[in-house]
Amino acid sequence: MLPSLVWQQEKEKGSTEVAGFNFTINIEKSRTVKEKSKIPITVMPESGIEKWSGLFEIALTADYIKEMSSGWYSTDGEKKRRRADIENDVRTR
């Protein structure tokens, strides 16, 4: 049995033009994936599916990253950083 999927799409905006798309795959029914799971995927026109799509959400769920306050996160328990800064560090490594 194949999983039942629902796609949501939104545009990733750069300065004035569309830089890419953010898709969220909602798993409705499946034998291989936990039901009601959400899988975020970012697709850029130049490079296709981003290699690290969804990694931030997985790290947040697994408590590798803690949400300190609205929009601020911490990887070591002390230093507050924005999500974009943490994702840029992962991409440049």
C-alpha atoms as a PDB file:
ATOM      1  CA  MET A   1       0.000   0.000   0.000  1.00  0.00           C
ATOM      2  CA  LEU A   2       1.398   3.356  -0.990  1.00  0.00           C
ATOM      3  CA  PRO A   3       1.206   6.227   1.512  1.00  0.00           C
ATOM      4  CA  SER A   4      -1.535   8.804   1.098  1.00  0.00           C
ATOM      5  CA  LEU A   5       0.164  12.178   0.583  1.00  0.00           C
ATOM      6  CA  VAL A   6      -1.071  15.775   0.644  1.00  0.00           C
ATOM      7  CA  TRP A   7       1.129  18.528  -0.818  1.00  0.00           C
ATOM      8  CA  GLN A   8       1.220  22.162   0.280  1.00  0.00           C
ATOM      9  CA  GLN A   9       3.192  24.696  -1.723  1.00  0.00           C
ATOM     10  CA  GLU A  10       4.405  28.206  -0.953  1.00  0.00           C
ATOM     11  CA  LYS A  11       6.895  30.483  -2.694  1.00  0.00           C
ATOM     12  CA  GLU A  12      10.310  31.202  -1.198  1.00  0.00           C
ATOM     13  CA  LYS A  13      10.828  34.917  -1.820  1.00  0.00           C
ATOM     14  CA  GLY A  14      14.153  36.625  -2.361  1.00  0.00           C
ATOM     15  CA  SER A  15      14.360  40.375  -2.762  1.00  0.00           C
ATOM     16  CA  THR A  16      11.631  40.933  -5.366  1.00  0.00           C
ATOM     17  CA  GLU A  17      11.410  37.666  -7.291  1.00  0.00           C
ATOM     18  CA  VAL A  18      10.595  34.092  -6.383  1.00  0.00           C
ATOM     19  CA  ALA A  19      13.752  32.284  -5.231  1.00  0.00           C
ATOM     20  CA  GLY A  20      12.226  28.796  -4.936  1.00  0.00           C
ATOM     21  CA  PHE A  21       9.385  26.784  -3.453  1.00  0.00           C
ATOM     22  CA  ASN A  22       8.711  25.249  -0.029  1.00  0.00           C
ATOM     23  CA  PHE A  23       6.668  22.053  -0.102  1.00  0.00           C
ATOM     24  CA  THR A  24       5.209  20.310   2.930  1.00  0.00           C
ATOM     25  CA  ILE A  25       4.272  16.686   2.454  1.00  0.00           C
ATOM     26  CA  ASN A  26       1.579  15.586   4.924  1.00  0.00           C
ATOM     27  CA  ILE A  27       1.410  11.825   5.369  1.00  0.00           C
ATOM     28  CA  GLU A  28      -2.237  10.752   5.775  1.00  0.00           C
ATOM     29  CA  LYS A  29      -1.997   6.933   5.826  1.00  0.00           C
ATOM     30  CA  SER A  30       1.063   4.720   5.542  1.00  0.00           C
ATOM     31  CA  ARG A  31       2.507   1.450   6.741  1.00  0.00           C
ATOM     32  CA  THR A  32       6.112   2.648   6.466  1.00  0.00           C
ATOM     33  CA  VAL A  33       5.918   6.241   7.783  1.00  0.00           C
ATOM     34  CA  LYS A  34       4.280   7.525  10.974  1.00  0.00           C
ATOM     35  CA  GLU A  35       0.802   8.883  10.200  1.00  0.00           C
ATOM     36  CA  LYS A  36       0.260  12.647  10.373  1.00  0.00           C
ATOM     37  CA  SER A  37       3.980  13.231   9.726  1.00  0.00           C
ATOM     38  CA  LYS A  38       4.998  16.435   7.943  1.00  0.00           C
ATOM     39  CA  ILE A  39       8.053  16.465   5.713  1.00  0.00           C
ATOM     40  CA  PRO A  40       9.307  19.917   4.607  1.00  0.00           C
ATOM     41  CA  ILE A  41      11.184  20.120   1.285  1.00  0.00           C
ATOM     42  CA  THR A  42      12.727  23.207  -0.325  1.00  0.00           C
ATOM     43  CA  VAL A  43      13.162  23.269  -4.111  1.00  0.00           C
ATOM     44  CA  MET A  44      15.322  25.919  -5.784  1.00  0.00           C
ATOM     45  CA  PRO A  45      15.189  26.573  -9.565  1.00  0.00           C
ATOM     46  CA  GLU A  46      18.968  26.376 -10.030  1.00  0.00           C
ATOM     47  CA  SER A  47      19.854  23.398  -7.830  1.00  0.00           C
ATOM     48  CA  GLY A  48      16.632  21.394  -7.398  1.00  0.00           C
ATOM     49  CA  ILE A  49      15.810  19.827  -4.023  1.00  0.00           C
ATOM     50  CA  GLU A  50      18.060  21.220  -1.289  1.00  0.00           C
ATOM     51  CA  LYS A  51      20.308  18.626   0.335  1.00  0.00           C
ATOM     52  CA  TRP A  52      19.499  19.696   3.911  1.00  0.00           C
ATOM     53  CA  SER A  53      15.728  20.253   3.536  1.00  0.00           C
ATOM     54  CA  GLY A  54      13.883  19.405   6.740  1.00  0.00           C
ATOM     55  CA  LEU A  55      17.025  18.908   8.840  1.00  0.00           C
ATOM     56  CA  PHE A  56      16.207  21.857  11.122  1.00  0.00           C
ATOM     57  CA  GLU A  57      12.745  20.470  11.941  1.00  0.00           C
ATOM     58  CA  ILE A  58      14.202  17.018  12.691  1.00  0.00           C
ATOM     59  CA  ALA A  59      16.862  18.533  14.989  1.00  0.00           C
ATOM     60  CA  LEU A  60      14.191  20.603  16.768  1.00  0.00           C
ATOM     61  CA  THR A  61      11.989  17.531  17.305  1.00  0.00           C
ATOM     62  CA  ALA A  62      14.954  15.479  18.562  1.00  0.00           C
ATOM     63  CA  ASP A  63      15.993  18.278  20.998  1.00  0.00           C
ATOM     64  CA  TYR A  64      19.370  18.947  19.350  1.00  0.00           C
ATOM     65  CA  ILE A  65      18.133  22.511  18.905  1.00  0.00           C
ATOM     66  CA  LYS A  66      16.094  24.222  21.623  1.00  0.00           C
ATOM     67  CA  GLU A  67      13.650  27.071  21.015  1.00  0.00           C
ATOM     68  CA  MET A  68      14.599  29.766  23.527  1.00  0.00           C
ATOM     69  CA  SER A  69      11.883  32.285  22.597  1.00  0.00           C
ATOM     70  CA  SER A  70       9.829  33.129  19.537  1.00  0.00           C
ATOM     71  CA  GLY A  71      12.206  33.022  16.560  1.00  0.00           C
ATOM     72  CA  TRP A  72      15.349  32.421  18.660  1.00  0.00           C
ATOM     73  CA  TYR A  73      17.034  29.036  18.967  1.00  0.00           C
ATOM     74  CA  SER A  74      20.037  27.575  20.754  1.00  0.00           C
ATOM     75  CA  THR A  75      22.273  24.640  19.881  1.00  0.00           C
ATOM     76  CA  ASP A  76      24.448  24.775  23.010  1.00  0.00           C
ATOM     77  CA  GLY A  77      21.942  26.035  25.594  1.00  0.00           C
ATOM     78  CA  GLU A  78      23.493  29.493  25.928  1.00  0.00           C
ATOM     79  CA  LYS A  79      23.862  31.409  22.661  1.00  0.00           C
ATOM     80  CA  LYS A  80      20.623  32.600  21.020  1.00  0.00           C
ATOM     81  CA  ARG A  81      20.622  32.530  17.217  1.00  0.00           C
ATOM     82  CA  ARG A  82      18.096  32.979  14.416  1.00  0.00           C
ATOM     83  CA  ARG A  83      17.003  29.966  12.356  1.00  0.00           C
ATOM     84  CA  ALA A  84      18.562  31.362   9.161  1.00  0.00           C
ATOM     85  CA  ASP A  85      21.962  31.678  10.881  1.00  0.00           C
ATOM     86  CA  ILE A  86      21.893  28.058  12.053  1.00  0.00           C
ATOM     87  CA  GLU A  87      20.823  26.809   8.606  1.00  0.00           C
ATOM     88  CA  ASN A  88      23.567  28.845   6.893  1.00  0.00           C
ATOM     89  CA  ASP A  89      26.174  27.284   9.209  1.00  0.00           C
ATOM     90  CA  VAL A  90      24.989  23.800   8.224  1.00  0.00           C
ATOM     91  CA  ARG A  91      25.078  24.631   4.496  1.00  0.00           C
ATOM     92  CA  THR A  92      28.622  26.046   4.608  1.00  0.00           C
ATOM     93  CA  ARG A  93      30.166  23.074   6.456  1.00  0.00           C
END
